Amino acid sequence: MVNILIWAIIILVVVVGAVALVLAGIGATRRNEEDDPLMVRLAEAAERGDVVSSLEQIEMQQPFRQRVLLPLLRRVGEFSTRFTPQKALEDTAKKLELAGNPGSIDAATLLASRFVFAAVFGGGLLLVALLAHNWPFVRIFVVVILFTALGFFFPQLLLQSRIDARQKDIRKAMPDALDLLTICVEAGLGFDAAMSKVSEKWETQLSIALLRAIREIQLGKPRRDALKDMADRIGIPEMTSFVAAVIQSEILGVSLAKVLRIQSDQMRVKRRQRAEEEAHQAPIKMIIPMAFLTFPSIFLILLAPAAMQVQHSIFK
């Protein structure tokens, strides 16, 4: 009993530390990486009128998460990159770009978070199993291994869900954005100014991608390369075809307004076809919840009284 209690305390400490590291990484990566935390803290102290004697005092004013947990998580990420293939880092960085770079997290930190989530899931289940007292060893071993594997792949699954949600949001916003883009170009605005108007109109993932492309063009990047990079960061065929049509019209000297009008009509037709496809898939997807949730309850309500009467008549 004493050994079980000691192991439970150790596992609890590990799980709490892992959760703290995860929260530190999520909260701290939302900051802009270019901002110096000491300078930000110094500016805040100057605005409040506080007298600061040294940088150490400014450093101690930061939260415990930024002073201790975040550097520890970054150390884990740097250590894990030594044993991670470069191809895995590149693929993870590519997926982060497709997901819109949530929280400004880097590939190394995301890969390191897999071990943190594995420790959280596996340690939590091991703690529950040890406190249960009646679980056999084989069941504990299998459950802990399964949940450790689930925690290891959980960040990748979460990232993939973020990618799918972002791409779905962009697909829904593209027809309306192309309509506005076409109207602006036909009204006499340049393509860059029309993209700026579209990015100011809505606050969607598409507007964020357009705004980033506009900033790259303003910094001197060729429009062709900026649009290609935007299509690569989004990763959907609709955006790739749109960028290819715009670049082709620029090369051949075709009217950009006509090209945008054709692209807008095609996007609207594709969105309608995709909605019809999802509507046809709905009855098939409804079979699983109906078979496992609705039908058993209906059978229970309808057949339970008859079964009780039959049982009563037989045993009477």
C-alpha atoms as a PDB file:
ATOM      1  CA  MET A   1       0.000   0.000   0.000  1.00  0.00           C
ATOM      2  CA  VAL A   2       2.858   2.362   0.824  1.00  0.00           C
ATOM      3  CA  ASN A   3       4.587   1.575  -2.480  1.00  0.00           C
ATOM      4  CA  ILE A   4       1.397   2.251  -4.416  1.00  0.00           C
ATOM      5  CA  LEU A   5       0.976   5.588  -2.619  1.00  0.00           C
ATOM      6  CA  ILE A   6       4.559   6.595  -3.405  1.00  0.00           C
ATOM      7  CA  TRP A   7       4.154   5.685  -7.070  1.00  0.00           C
ATOM      8  CA  ALA A   8       0.858   7.589  -7.189  1.00  0.00           C
ATOM      9  CA  ILE A   9       2.518  10.720  -5.777  1.00  0.00           C
ATOM     10  CA  ILE A  10       5.387  10.455  -8.281  1.00  0.00           C
ATOM     11  CA  ILE A  11       3.011  10.002 -11.205  1.00  0.00           C
ATOM     12  CA  LEU A  12       0.858  12.892 -10.003  1.00  0.00           C
ATOM     13  CA  VAL A  13       3.892  15.167  -9.878  1.00  0.00           C
ATOM     14  CA  VAL A  14       4.923  14.105 -13.393  1.00  0.00           C
ATOM     15  CA  VAL A  15       1.421  14.662 -14.775  1.00  0.00           C
ATOM     16  CA  VAL A  16       1.072  18.080 -13.143  1.00  0.00           C
ATOM     17  CA  GLY A  17       4.474  19.105 -14.480  1.00  0.00           C
ATOM     18  CA  ALA A  18       3.579  17.905 -17.975  1.00  0.00           C
ATOM     19  CA  VAL A  19       0.292  19.795 -17.935  1.00  0.00           C
ATOM     20  CA  ALA A  20       2.107  22.910 -16.749  1.00  0.00           C
ATOM     21  CA  LEU A  21       4.587  22.595 -19.607  1.00  0.00           C
ATOM     22  CA  VAL A  22       1.781  22.243 -22.138  1.00  0.00           C
ATOM     23  CA  LEU A  23      -0.050  25.276 -20.786  1.00  0.00           C
ATOM     24  CA  ALA A  24       3.170  27.246 -20.760  1.00  0.00           C
ATOM     25  CA  GLY A  25       3.902  26.437 -24.363  1.00  0.00           C
ATOM     26  CA  ILE A  26       0.367  27.222 -25.521  1.00  0.00           C
ATOM     27  CA  GLY A  27       0.156  30.489 -23.647  1.00  0.00           C
ATOM     28  CA  ALA A  28       3.634  31.725 -24.348  1.00  0.00           C
ATOM     29  CA  THR A  29       3.727  30.928 -28.058  1.00  0.00           C
ATOM     30  CA  ARG A  30       0.866  33.315 -28.631  1.00  0.00           C
ATOM     31  CA  ARG A  31       3.244  36.197 -28.117  1.00  0.00           C
ATOM     32  CA  ASN A  32       5.073  37.735 -30.988  1.00  0.00           C
ATOM     33  CA  GLU A  33       8.472  36.091 -31.242  1.00  0.00           C
ATOM     34  CA  GLU A  34      10.099  39.344 -32.296  1.00  0.00           C
ATOM     35  CA  ASP A  35       9.152  41.123 -29.058  1.00  0.00           C
ATOM     36  CA  ASP A  36      11.765  41.225 -26.322  1.00  0.00           C
ATOM     37  CA  PRO A  37      10.002  40.350 -23.038  1.00  0.00           C
ATOM     38  CA  LEU A  38      12.419  42.483 -21.006  1.00  0.00           C
ATOM     39  CA  MET A  39      11.787  45.542 -23.158  1.00  0.00           C
ATOM     40  CA  VAL A  40       8.052  44.966 -23.001  1.00  0.00           C
ATOM     41  CA  ARG A  41       8.214  44.686 -19.215  1.00  0.00           C
ATOM     42  CA  LEU A  42      10.367  47.811 -19.037  1.00  0.00           C
ATOM     43  CA  ALA A  43       7.870  49.750 -21.154  1.00  0.00           C
ATOM     44  CA  GLU A  44       5.001  48.609 -18.930  1.00  0.00           C
ATOM     45  CA  ALA A  45       6.916  49.682 -15.821  1.00  0.00           C
ATOM     46  CA  ALA A  46       7.627  53.086 -17.396  1.00  0.00           C
ATOM     47  CA  GLU A  47       3.938  53.556 -18.205  1.00  0.00           C
ATOM     48  CA  ARG A  48       2.966  52.765 -14.617  1.00  0.00           C
ATOM     49  CA  GLY A  49       5.678  55.071 -13.274  1.00  0.00           C
ATOM     50  CA  ASP A  50       7.455  52.312 -11.339  1.00  0.00           C
ATOM     51  CA  VAL A  51      11.114  52.717 -10.455  1.00  0.00           C
ATOM     52  CA  VAL A  52      13.144  49.789 -11.753  1.00  0.00           C
ATOM     53  CA  SER A  53      16.695  49.393 -10.479  1.00  0.00           C
ATOM     54  CA  SER A  54      17.905  46.479 -12.627  1.00  0.00           C
ATOM     55  CA  LEU A  55      16.946  44.082 -15.398  1.00  0.00           C
ATOM     56  CA  GLU A  56      16.849  41.287 -12.837  1.00  0.00           C
ATOM     57  CA  GLN A  57      13.942  42.990 -11.132  1.00  0.00           C
ATOM     58  CA  ILE A  58      12.152  43.209 -14.484  1.00  0.00           C
ATOM     59  CA  GLU A  59      12.850  39.540 -15.087  1.00  0.00           C
ATOM     60  CA  MET A  60      11.424  38.574 -11.699  1.00  0.00           C
ATOM     61  CA  GLN A  61       8.234  40.500 -12.490  1.00  0.00           C
ATOM     62  CA  GLN A  62       7.439  38.088 -15.289  1.00  0.00           C
ATOM     63  CA  PRO A  63       5.093  35.189 -14.593  1.00  0.00           C
ATOM     64  CA  PHE A  64       6.526  31.871 -13.473  1.00  0.00           C
ATOM     65  CA  ARG A  65       5.353  30.332 -16.737  1.00  0.00           C
ATOM     66  CA  GLN A  66       7.535  32.634 -18.847  1.00  0.00           C
ATOM     67  CA  ARG A  67      10.546  32.545 -16.518  1.00  0.00           C
ATOM     68  CA  VAL A  68      10.761  28.797 -15.873  1.00  0.00           C
ATOM     69  CA  LEU A  69       8.274  26.640 -17.748  1.00  0.00           C
ATOM     70  CA  LEU A  70       8.652  28.153 -21.212  1.00  0.00           C
ATOM     71  CA  PRO A  71      12.492  27.898 -21.282  1.00  0.00           C
ATOM     72  CA  LEU A  72      12.194  24.325 -20.024  1.00  0.00           C
ATOM     73  CA  LEU A  73       9.766  23.441 -22.808  1.00  0.00           C
ATOM     74  CA  ARG A  74      12.074  25.044 -25.358  1.00  0.00           C
ATOM     75  CA  ARG A  75      14.995  23.047 -23.976  1.00  0.00           C
ATOM     76  CA  VAL A  76      12.959  19.865 -24.424  1.00  0.00           C
ATOM     77  CA  GLY A  77      12.186  20.914 -28.002  1.00  0.00           C
ATOM     78  CA  GLU A  78      15.843  21.674 -28.749  1.00  0.00           C
ATOM     79  CA  PHE A  79      16.909  18.363 -27.231  1.00  0.00           C
ATOM     80  CA  SER A  80      14.331  16.399 -29.225  1.00  0.00           C
ATOM     81  CA  THR A  81      15.435  17.996 -32.510  1.00  0.00           C
ATOM     82  CA  ARG A  82      18.834  16.293 -32.143  1.00  0.00           C
ATOM     83  CA  PHE A  83      17.153  12.899 -32.515  1.00  0.00           C
ATOM     84  CA  THR A  84      14.435  13.952 -34.971  1.00  0.00           C
ATOM     85  CA  PRO A  85      15.014  13.504 -38.715  1.00  0.00           C
ATOM     86  CA  GLN A  86      15.127  16.683 -40.751  1.00  0.00           C
ATOM     87  CA  LYS A  87      12.331  15.368 -42.965  1.00  0.00           C
ATOM     88  CA  ALA A  88      10.012  15.141 -39.951  1.00  0.00           C
ATOM     89  CA  LEU A  89      10.823  18.717 -38.967  1.00  0.00           C
ATOM     90  CA  GLU A  90      10.165  19.942 -42.504  1.00  0.00           C
ATOM     91  CA  ASP A  91       6.863  18.064 -42.729  1.00  0.00           C
ATOM     92  CA  THR A  92       5.753  19.431 -39.366  1.00  0.00           C
ATOM     93  CA  ALA A  93       6.707  22.970 -40.371  1.00  0.00           C
ATOM     94  CA  LYS A  94       4.719  22.505 -43.592  1.00  0.00           C
ATOM     95  CA  LYS A  95       1.669  21.351 -41.639  1.00  0.00           C
ATOM     96  CA  LEU A  96       2.002  24.322 -39.312  1.00  0.00           C
ATOM     97  CA  GLU A  97       1.931  26.604 -42.343  1.00  0.00           C
ATOM     98  CA  LEU A  98      -1.170  24.832 -43.629  1.00  0.00           C
ATOM     99  CA  ALA A  99      -2.804  25.273 -40.208  1.00  0.00           C
ATOM    100  CA  GLY A 100      -2.109  29.010 -40.247  1.00  0.00           C
ATOM    101  CA  ASN A 101       0.767  28.776 -37.750  1.00  0.00           C
ATOM    102  CA  PRO A 102      -1.481  28.648 -34.659  1.00  0.00           C
ATOM    103  CA  GLY A 103       0.082  30.350 -31.656  1.00  0.00           C
ATOM    104  CA  SER A 104       3.320  31.003 -33.605  1.00  0.00           C
ATOM    105  CA  ILE A 105       4.563  27.621 -32.400  1.00  0.00           C
ATOM    106  CA  ASP A 106       7.581  26.090 -34.116  1.00  0.00           C
ATOM    107  CA  ALA A 107       8.062  22.530 -35.341  1.00  0.00           C
ATOM    108  CA  ALA A 108      10.482  21.539 -32.573  1.00  0.00           C
ATOM    109  CA  THR A 109       8.088  22.594 -29.804  1.00  0.00           C
ATOM    110  CA  LEU A 110       5.209  20.749 -31.442  1.00  0.00           C
ATOM    111  CA  LEU A 111       7.247  17.569 -31.752  1.00  0.00           C
ATOM    112  CA  ALA A 112       8.348  17.900 -28.124  1.00  0.00           C
ATOM    113  CA  SER A 113       4.737  18.334 -27.020  1.00  0.00           C
ATOM    114  CA  ARG A 114       4.046  14.776 -28.206  1.00  0.00           C
ATOM    115  CA  PHE A 115       6.124  13.400 -25.344  1.00  0.00           C
ATOM    116  CA  VAL A 116       4.411  15.765 -22.916  1.00  0.00           C
ATOM    117  CA  PHE A 117       0.939  14.622 -23.979  1.00  0.00           C
ATOM    118  CA  ALA A 118       2.065  10.998 -23.911  1.00  0.00           C
ATOM    119  CA  ALA A 119       3.212  11.473 -20.307  1.00  0.00           C
ATOM    120  CA  VAL A 120      -0.066  13.198 -19.413  1.00  0.00           C
ATOM    121  CA  PHE A 121      -2.313  10.541 -20.956  1.00  0.00           C
ATOM    122  CA  GLY A 122      -0.273   7.524 -19.883  1.00  0.00           C
ATOM    123  CA  GLY A 123       0.534   8.855 -16.416  1.00  0.00           C
ATOM    124  CA  GLY A 124      -3.067   9.831 -15.758  1.00  0.00           C
ATOM    125  CA  LEU A 125      -4.380   6.398 -16.703  1.00  0.00           C
ATOM    126  CA  LEU A 126      -1.642   4.698 -14.694  1.00  0.00           C
ATOM    127  CA  LEU A 127      -2.589   6.760 -11.672  1.00  0.00           C
ATOM    128  CA  VAL A 128      -6.254   5.823 -12.070  1.00  0.00           C
ATOM    129  CA  ALA A 129      -5.341   2.160 -12.492  1.00  0.00           C
ATOM    130  CA  LEU A 130      -3.163   2.145  -9.371  1.00  0.00           C
ATOM    131  CA  LEU A 131      -5.875   3.791  -7.318  1.00  0.00           C
ATOM    132  CA  ALA A 132      -8.479   1.296  -8.571  1.00  0.00           C
ATOM    133  CA  HIS A 133      -6.708  -1.605  -6.693  1.00  0.00           C
ATOM    134  CA  ASN A 134      -8.669  -4.298  -8.582  1.00  0.00           C
ATOM    135  CA  TRP A 135      -7.294  -3.978 -12.096  1.00  0.00           C
ATOM    136  CA  PRO A 136      -5.115  -6.884 -13.266  1.00  0.00           C
ATOM    137  CA  PHE A 137      -1.615  -6.146 -14.475  1.00  0.00           C
ATOM    138  CA  VAL A 138      -2.369  -7.035 -18.108  1.00  0.00           C
ATOM    139  CA  ARG A 139      -5.284  -4.593 -18.246  1.00  0.00           C
ATOM    140  CA  ILE A 140      -3.184  -1.824 -16.685  1.00  0.00           C
ATOM    141  CA  PHE A 141      -0.370  -2.457 -19.142  1.00  0.00           C
ATOM    142  CA  VAL A 142      -2.637  -2.473 -22.215  1.00  0.00           C
ATOM    143  CA  VAL A 143      -4.639   0.606 -21.189  1.00  0.00           C
ATOM    144  CA  VAL A 144      -1.543   2.641 -20.297  1.00  0.00           C
ATOM    145  CA  ILE A 145       0.170   1.713 -23.581  1.00  0.00           C
ATOM    146  CA  LEU A 146      -2.918   2.607 -25.615  1.00  0.00           C
ATOM    147  CA  PHE A 147      -3.437   5.965 -23.936  1.00  0.00           C
ATOM    148  CA  THR A 148       0.280   6.762 -24.105  1.00  0.00           C
ATOM    149  CA  ALA A 149       0.179   6.144 -27.851  1.00  0.00           C
ATOM    150  CA  LEU A 150      -2.974   8.276 -28.085  1.00  0.00           C
ATOM    151  CA  GLY A 151      -1.270  11.101 -26.229  1.00  0.00           C
ATOM    152  CA  PHE A 152       1.785  10.788 -28.458  1.00  0.00           C
ATOM    153  CA  PHE A 153      -0.278  11.240 -31.621  1.00  0.00           C
ATOM    154  CA  PHE A 154      -2.754  13.719 -30.099  1.00  0.00           C
ATOM    155  CA  PRO A 155      -0.838  16.893 -31.161  1.00  0.00           C
ATOM    156  CA  GLN A 156      -0.678  15.620 -34.747  1.00  0.00           C
ATOM    157  CA  LEU A 157      -4.393  14.858 -34.751  1.00  0.00           C
ATOM    158  CA  LEU A 158      -5.141  18.279 -33.288  1.00  0.00           C
ATOM    159  CA  LEU A 159      -2.961  19.920 -35.923  1.00  0.00           C
ATOM    160  CA  GLN A 160      -4.660  17.988 -38.731  1.00  0.00           C
ATOM    161  CA  SER A 161      -8.086  19.027 -37.455  1.00  0.00           C
ATOM    162  CA  ARG A 162      -6.915  22.636 -37.445  1.00  0.00           C
ATOM    163  CA  ILE A 163      -5.718  22.254 -41.043  1.00  0.00           C
ATOM    164  CA  ASP A 164      -9.059  20.794 -42.146  1.00  0.00           C
ATOM    165  CA  ALA A 165     -11.022  23.541 -40.375  1.00  0.00           C
ATOM    166  CA  ARG A 166      -8.874  26.274 -41.932  1.00  0.00           C
ATOM    167  CA  GLN A 167      -9.155  24.851 -45.428  1.00  0.00           C
ATOM    168  CA  LYS A 168     -12.907  24.451 -45.049  1.00  0.00           C
ATOM    169  CA  ASP A 169     -13.243  28.064 -43.908  1.00  0.00           C
ATOM    170  CA  ILE A 170     -11.195  29.248 -46.902  1.00  0.00           C
ATOM    171  CA  ARG A 171     -13.277  27.188 -49.327  1.00  0.00           C
ATOM    172  CA  LYS A 172     -16.475  28.722 -47.964  1.00  0.00           C
ATOM    173  CA  ALA A 173     -15.111  32.259 -48.163  1.00  0.00           C
ATOM    174  CA  MET A 174     -13.525  32.080 -51.605  1.00  0.00           C
ATOM    175  CA  PRO A 175     -16.627  32.655 -53.825  1.00  0.00           C
ATOM    176  CA  ASP A 176     -17.712  35.795 -51.960  1.00  0.00           C
ATOM    177  CA  ALA A 177     -14.144  37.067 -51.791  1.00  0.00           C
ATOM    178  CA  LEU A 178     -13.660  36.541 -55.527  1.00  0.00           C
ATOM    179  CA  ASP A 179     -16.937  38.370 -56.226  1.00  0.00           C
ATOM    180  CA  LEU A 180     -15.730  41.380 -54.263  1.00  0.00           C
ATOM    181  CA  LEU A 181     -12.305  41.106 -55.871  1.00  0.00           C
ATOM    182  CA  THR A 182     -13.917  41.092 -59.322  1.00  0.00           C
ATOM    183  CA  ILE A 183     -16.078  44.109 -58.520  1.00  0.00           C
ATOM    184  CA  CYS A 184     -13.093  46.073 -57.236  1.00  0.00           C
ATOM    185  CA  VAL A 185     -11.003  45.272 -60.310  1.00  0.00           C
ATOM    186  CA  GLU A 186     -13.868  46.139 -62.674  1.00  0.00           C
ATOM    187  CA  ALA A 187     -14.323  49.420 -60.782  1.00  0.00           C
ATOM    188  CA  GLY A 188     -10.766  50.421 -61.682  1.00  0.00           C
ATOM    189  CA  LEU A 189      -8.699  49.335 -58.679  1.00  0.00           C
ATOM    190  CA  GLY A 190      -5.431  47.516 -59.104  1.00  0.00           C
ATOM    191  CA  PHE A 191      -5.142  43.881 -58.119  1.00  0.00           C
ATOM    192  CA  ASP A 192      -3.122  44.654 -54.975  1.00  0.00           C
ATOM    193  CA  ALA A 193      -5.596  47.327 -53.863  1.00  0.00           C
ATOM    194  CA  ALA A 194      -8.497  44.958 -54.550  1.00  0.00           C
ATOM    195  CA  MET A 195      -6.845  42.272 -52.403  1.00  0.00           C
ATOM    196  CA  SER A 196      -6.424  44.857 -49.655  1.00  0.00           C
ATOM    197  CA  LYS A 197     -10.148  45.697 -49.837  1.00  0.00           C
ATOM    198  CA  VAL A 198     -11.054  42.023 -49.576  1.00  0.00           C
ATOM    199  CA  SER A 199      -8.780  41.533 -46.563  1.00  0.00           C
ATOM    200  CA  GLU A 200     -10.369  44.542 -44.840  1.00  0.00           C
ATOM    201  CA  LYS A 201     -13.935  43.374 -45.522  1.00  0.00           C
ATOM    202  CA  TRP A 202     -13.915  40.122 -43.552  1.00  0.00           C
ATOM    203  CA  GLU A 203     -11.963  38.556 -40.704  1.00  0.00           C
ATOM    204  CA  THR A 204     -11.484  35.051 -42.038  1.00  0.00           C
ATOM    205  CA  GLN A 205      -8.556  32.765 -42.713  1.00  0.00           C
ATOM    206  CA  LEU A 206      -8.674  33.820 -46.360  1.00  0.00           C
ATOM    207  CA  SER A 207      -8.413  37.500 -45.478  1.00  0.00           C
ATOM    208  CA  ILE A 208      -5.444  36.736 -43.210  1.00  0.00           C
ATOM    209  CA  ALA A 209      -3.715  34.864 -46.040  1.00  0.00           C
ATOM    210  CA  LEU A 210      -4.401  37.709 -48.472  1.00  0.00           C
ATOM    211  CA  LEU A 211      -3.111  40.268 -45.981  1.00  0.00           C
ATOM    212  CA  ARG A 212       0.133  38.341 -45.556  1.00  0.00           C
ATOM    213  CA  ALA A 213       0.577  38.175 -49.326  1.00  0.00           C
ATOM    214  CA  ILE A 214      -0.046  41.934 -49.592  1.00  0.00           C
ATOM    215  CA  ARG A 215       2.587  42.655 -46.956  1.00  0.00           C
ATOM    216  CA  GLU A 216       5.095  40.449 -48.755  1.00  0.00           C
ATOM    217  CA  ILE A 217       4.425  42.345 -52.004  1.00  0.00           C
ATOM    218  CA  GLN A 218       4.842  45.666 -50.204  1.00  0.00           C
ATOM    219  CA  LEU A 219       8.191  44.502 -48.831  1.00  0.00           C
ATOM    220  CA  GLY A 220       9.466  43.942 -52.372  1.00  0.00           C
ATOM    221  CA  LYS A 221       8.570  40.333 -53.082  1.00  0.00           C
ATOM    222  CA  PRO A 222       7.334  39.744 -56.654  1.00  0.00           C
ATOM    223  CA  ARG A 223       3.589  39.345 -56.891  1.00  0.00           C
ATOM    224  CA  ARG A 224       3.950  36.035 -58.696  1.00  0.00           C
ATOM    225  CA  ASP A 225       6.081  34.523 -55.928  1.00  0.00           C
ATOM    226  CA  ALA A 226       3.880  35.967 -53.170  1.00  0.00           C
ATOM    227  CA  LEU A 227       0.752  34.445 -54.706  1.00  0.00           C
ATOM    228  CA  LYS A 228       2.452  31.071 -55.219  1.00  0.00           C
ATOM    229  CA  ASP A 229       3.627  31.032 -51.606  1.00  0.00           C
ATOM    230  CA  MET A 230       0.115  31.928 -50.458  1.00  0.00           C
ATOM    231  CA  ALA A 231      -1.310  29.004 -52.431  1.00  0.00           C
ATOM    232  CA  ASP A 232       1.317  26.680 -50.902  1.00  0.00           C
ATOM    233  CA  ARG A 233       0.450  27.890 -47.389  1.00  0.00           C
ATOM    234  CA  ILE A 234      -3.247  27.182 -47.980  1.00  0.00           C
ATOM    235  CA  GLY A 235      -2.898  23.888 -49.825  1.00  0.00           C
ATOM    236  CA  ILE A 236      -6.273  23.560 -51.582  1.00  0.00           C
ATOM    237  CA  PRO A 237      -6.749  22.997 -55.343  1.00  0.00           C
ATOM    238  CA  GLU A 238      -9.164  25.937 -55.658  1.00  0.00           C
ATOM    239  CA  MET A 239      -6.577  28.459 -54.508  1.00  0.00           C
ATOM    240  CA  THR A 240      -3.872  26.868 -56.639  1.00  0.00           C
ATOM    241  CA  SER A 241      -6.014  27.130 -59.792  1.00  0.00           C
ATOM    242  CA  PHE A 242      -6.958  30.716 -58.924  1.00  0.00           C
ATOM    243  CA  VAL A 243      -3.334  31.777 -58.475  1.00  0.00           C
ATOM    244  CA  ALA A 244      -2.335  29.973 -61.677  1.00  0.00           C
ATOM    245  CA  ALA A 245      -5.087  31.780 -63.613  1.00  0.00           C
ATOM    246  CA  VAL A 246      -4.032  35.174 -62.243  1.00  0.00           C
ATOM    247  CA  ILE A 247      -0.376  34.587 -63.078  1.00  0.00           C
ATOM    248  CA  GLN A 248      -1.273  33.279 -66.534  1.00  0.00           C
ATOM    249  CA  SER A 249      -3.426  36.322 -67.271  1.00  0.00           C
ATOM    250  CA  GLU A 250      -0.576  38.578 -66.193  1.00  0.00           C
ATOM    251  CA  ILE A 251       1.871  36.780 -68.486  1.00  0.00           C
ATOM    252  CA  LEU A 252      -0.426  36.658 -71.533  1.00  0.00           C
ATOM    253  CA  GLY A 253      -1.935  40.086 -71.039  1.00  0.00           C
ATOM    254  CA  VAL A 254      -5.516  38.821 -70.730  1.00  0.00           C
ATOM    255  CA  SER A 255      -8.093  41.010 -68.995  1.00  0.00           C
ATOM    256  CA  LEU A 256      -7.837  40.300 -65.283  1.00  0.00           C
ATOM    257  CA  ALA A 257     -11.485  41.219 -64.668  1.00  0.00           C
ATOM    258  CA  LYS A 258     -12.692  38.507 -67.076  1.00  0.00           C
ATOM    259  CA  VAL A 259     -10.408  35.934 -65.492  1.00  0.00           C
ATOM    260  CA  LEU A 260     -11.656  36.824 -62.013  1.00  0.00           C
ATOM    261  CA  ARG A 261     -15.266  36.638 -63.186  1.00  0.00           C
ATOM    262  CA  ILE A 262     -14.723  33.151 -64.608  1.00  0.00           C
ATOM    263  CA  GLN A 263     -12.925  32.028 -61.450  1.00  0.00           C
ATOM    264  CA  SER A 264     -15.720  33.410 -59.272  1.00  0.00           C
ATOM    265  CA  ASP A 265     -18.369  31.490 -61.227  1.00  0.00           C
ATOM    266  CA  GLN A 266     -16.331  28.298 -61.039  1.00  0.00           C
ATOM    267  CA  MET A 267     -15.824  28.670 -57.284  1.00  0.00           C
ATOM    268  CA  ARG A 268     -19.543  29.138 -56.739  1.00  0.00           C
ATOM    269  CA  VAL A 269     -20.357  26.058 -58.832  1.00  0.00           C
ATOM    270  CA  LYS A 270     -17.789  24.007 -56.896  1.00  0.00           C
ATOM    271  CA  ARG A 271     -19.216  25.165 -53.577  1.00  0.00           C
ATOM    272  CA  ARG A 272     -22.711  24.125 -54.656  1.00  0.00           C
ATOM    273  CA  GLN A 273     -21.441  20.763 -55.843  1.00  0.00           C
ATOM    274  CA  ARG A 274     -19.585  20.229 -52.581  1.00  0.00           C
ATOM    275  CA  ALA A 275     -22.751  21.060 -50.613  1.00  0.00           C
ATOM    276  CA  GLU A 276     -24.739  18.571 -52.694  1.00  0.00           C
ATOM    277  CA  GLU A 277     -22.082  15.921 -52.122  1.00  0.00           C
ATOM    278  CA  GLU A 278     -22.198  16.438 -48.367  1.00  0.00           C
ATOM    279  CA  ALA A 279     -26.005  16.295 -48.482  1.00  0.00           C
ATOM    280  CA  HIS A 280     -25.846  12.916 -50.263  1.00  0.00           C
ATOM    281  CA  GLN A 281     -23.369  11.628 -47.671  1.00  0.00           C
ATOM    282  CA  ALA A 282     -25.548  12.669 -44.729  1.00  0.00           C
ATOM    283  CA  PRO A 283     -27.891   9.606 -44.751  1.00  0.00           C
ATOM    284  CA  ILE A 284     -24.916   7.240 -44.794  1.00  0.00           C
ATOM    285  CA  LYS A 285     -23.260   9.070 -41.905  1.00  0.00           C
ATOM    286  CA  MET A 286     -26.498   8.942 -39.925  1.00  0.00           C
ATOM    287  CA  ILE A 287     -26.530   5.135 -39.976  1.00  0.00           C
ATOM    288  CA  ILE A 288     -23.887   4.772 -37.260  1.00  0.00           C
ATOM    289  CA  PRO A 289     -25.567   6.944 -34.579  1.00  0.00           C
ATOM    290  CA  MET A 290     -28.965   5.495 -35.474  1.00  0.00           C
ATOM    291  CA  ALA A 291     -27.725   1.908 -35.259  1.00  0.00           C
ATOM    292  CA  PHE A 292     -25.856   2.310 -31.966  1.00  0.00           C
ATOM    293  CA  LEU A 293     -27.843   5.034 -30.198  1.00  0.00           C
ATOM    294  CA  THR A 294     -31.384   5.427 -31.549  1.00  0.00           C
ATOM    295  CA  PHE A 295     -32.429   1.869 -32.417  1.00  0.00           C
ATOM    296  CA  PRO A 296     -31.323   0.258 -29.100  1.00  0.00           C
ATOM    297  CA  SER A 297     -33.327   2.776 -27.100  1.00  0.00           C
ATOM    298  CA  ILE A 298     -36.389   2.238 -29.338  1.00  0.00           C
ATOM    299  CA  PHE A 299     -36.073  -1.544 -29.004  1.00  0.00           C
ATOM    300  CA  LEU A 300     -35.729  -1.192 -25.258  1.00  0.00           C
ATOM    301  CA  ILE A 301     -38.863   0.934 -24.985  1.00  0.00           C
ATOM    302  CA  LEU A 302     -40.932  -1.276 -27.305  1.00  0.00           C
ATOM    303  CA  LEU A 303     -39.736  -4.748 -26.376  1.00  0.00           C
ATOM    304  CA  ALA A 304     -38.977  -4.412 -22.651  1.00  0.00           C
ATOM    305  CA  PRO A 305     -42.656  -4.492 -21.518  1.00  0.00           C
ATOM    306  CA  ALA A 306     -43.393  -7.478 -23.762  1.00  0.00           C
ATOM    307  CA  ALA A 307     -40.270  -9.286 -22.499  1.00  0.00           C
ATOM    308  CA  MET A 308     -41.284  -8.640 -18.886  1.00  0.00           C
ATOM    309  CA  GLN A 309     -44.789 -10.020 -19.554  1.00  0.00           C
ATOM    310  CA  VAL A 310     -43.386 -13.134 -21.230  1.00  0.00           C
ATOM    311  CA  GLN A 311     -40.976 -13.689 -18.360  1.00  0.00           C
ATOM    312  CA  HIS A 312     -43.781 -13.213 -15.828  1.00  0.00           C
ATOM    313  CA  SER A 313     -46.051 -15.664 -17.648  1.00  0.00           C
ATOM    314  CA  ILE A 314     -43.304 -18.307 -17.982  1.00  0.00           C
ATOM    315  CA  PHE A 315     -42.153 -18.219 -14.355  1.00  0.00           C
ATOM    316  CA  LYS A 316     -45.672 -17.929 -12.982  1.00  0.00           C
END
